Amino acid sequence: MKKVLITTLLFVGLLAVASANAAPRLTVPVSEFDFGYVPQNSNVSHTFWLHSTGDDTLRILNVKPG
């Protein structure tokens, strides 16, 4: 009986630790881009890829370009 109780408590503890470490995580492989020389009044653009690599749902609620 004690072994079952100890095993159950151990399992619950490990489960609690595993769920506490689950978190959303944003990975940006390339965070900078150098356009080099750009003539005045030119339009330039670049696409940045964002990856959700965490263990939970990543929610982007606000974006502030800078």
Protein backbone atom coordinates (compact mmCIF):
# COMPACT_ATOMS: atom_id res chain seq x y z
CA MET A 1 0.00 0.00 0.00
CA LYS A 2 2.82 2.42 0.84
CA LYS A 3 4.54 1.69 -2.48
CA VAL A 4 1.38 2.55 -4.40
CA LEU A 5 0.97 5.80 -2.45
CA ILE A 6 4.61 6.78 -2.95
CA THR A 7 4.47 5.91 -6.66
CA THR A 8 1.28 7.93 -7.09
CA LEU A 9 2.74 10.95 -5.29
CA LEU A 10 5.91 10.72 -7.36
CA PHE A 11 3.89 10.57 -10.58
CA VAL A 12 1.75 13.55 -9.58
CA GLY A 13 4.87 15.51 -8.66
CA LEU A 14 6.53 14.77 -11.99
CA LEU A 15 3.36 15.71 -13.84
CA ALA A 16 3.20 19.03 -11.96
CA VAL A 17 6.82 19.81 -12.85
CA ALA A 18 6.27 18.93 -16.51
CA SER A 19 3.19 21.15 -16.78
CA ALA A 20 4.95 24.01 -14.99
CA ASN A 21 7.69 23.96 -17.64
CA ALA A 22 5.19 24.02 -20.51
CA ALA A 23 5.23 27.53 -21.87
CA PRO A 24 4.81 29.34 -25.16
CA ARG A 25 8.09 30.30 -26.79
CA LEU A 26 8.74 32.49 -29.83
CA THR A 27 11.82 31.79 -31.93
CA VAL A 28 13.08 34.26 -34.52
CA PRO A 29 15.92 32.55 -36.46
CA VAL A 30 17.07 35.79 -38.13
CA SER A 31 16.33 38.95 -36.14
CA GLU A 32 18.23 41.44 -38.33
CA PHE A 33 18.50 42.10 -42.04
CA ASP A 34 20.98 44.44 -43.74
CA PHE A 35 19.61 45.97 -46.94
CA GLY A 36 22.98 47.44 -47.77
CA TYR A 37 22.89 50.61 -49.83
CA VAL A 38 19.33 51.83 -50.46
CA PRO A 39 18.79 54.90 -52.62
CA GLN A 40 16.68 57.67 -51.12
CA ASN A 41 12.88 57.31 -51.60
CA SER A 42 13.20 53.58 -52.37
CA ASN A 43 10.75 51.02 -51.06
CA VAL A 44 12.30 47.95 -49.46
CA SER A 45 10.84 45.03 -47.59
CA HIS A 46 11.95 41.82 -45.94
CA THR A 47 10.00 38.90 -44.49
CA PHE A 48 10.90 37.73 -41.01
CA TRP A 49 9.81 34.21 -40.06
CA LEU A 50 8.47 33.67 -36.55
CA HIS A 51 8.21 30.15 -35.13
CA SER A 52 6.20 28.91 -32.18
CA THR A 53 8.56 26.40 -30.56
CA GLY A 54 7.14 26.16 -27.05
CA ASP A 55 4.96 23.52 -25.48
CA ASP A 56 1.89 25.73 -25.16
CA THR A 57 -0.20 27.95 -27.42
CA LEU A 58 1.61 31.13 -28.44
CA ARG A 59 -0.67 34.15 -28.59
CA ILE A 60 0.60 37.39 -30.10
CA LEU A 61 -1.69 40.06 -28.68
CA ASN A 62 0.19 43.24 -29.60
CA VAL A 63 2.85 44.15 -32.15
CA LYS A 64 4.93 47.32 -31.97
CA PRO A 65 7.18 47.82 -35.01
CA GLY A 66 10.37 49.59 -34.29
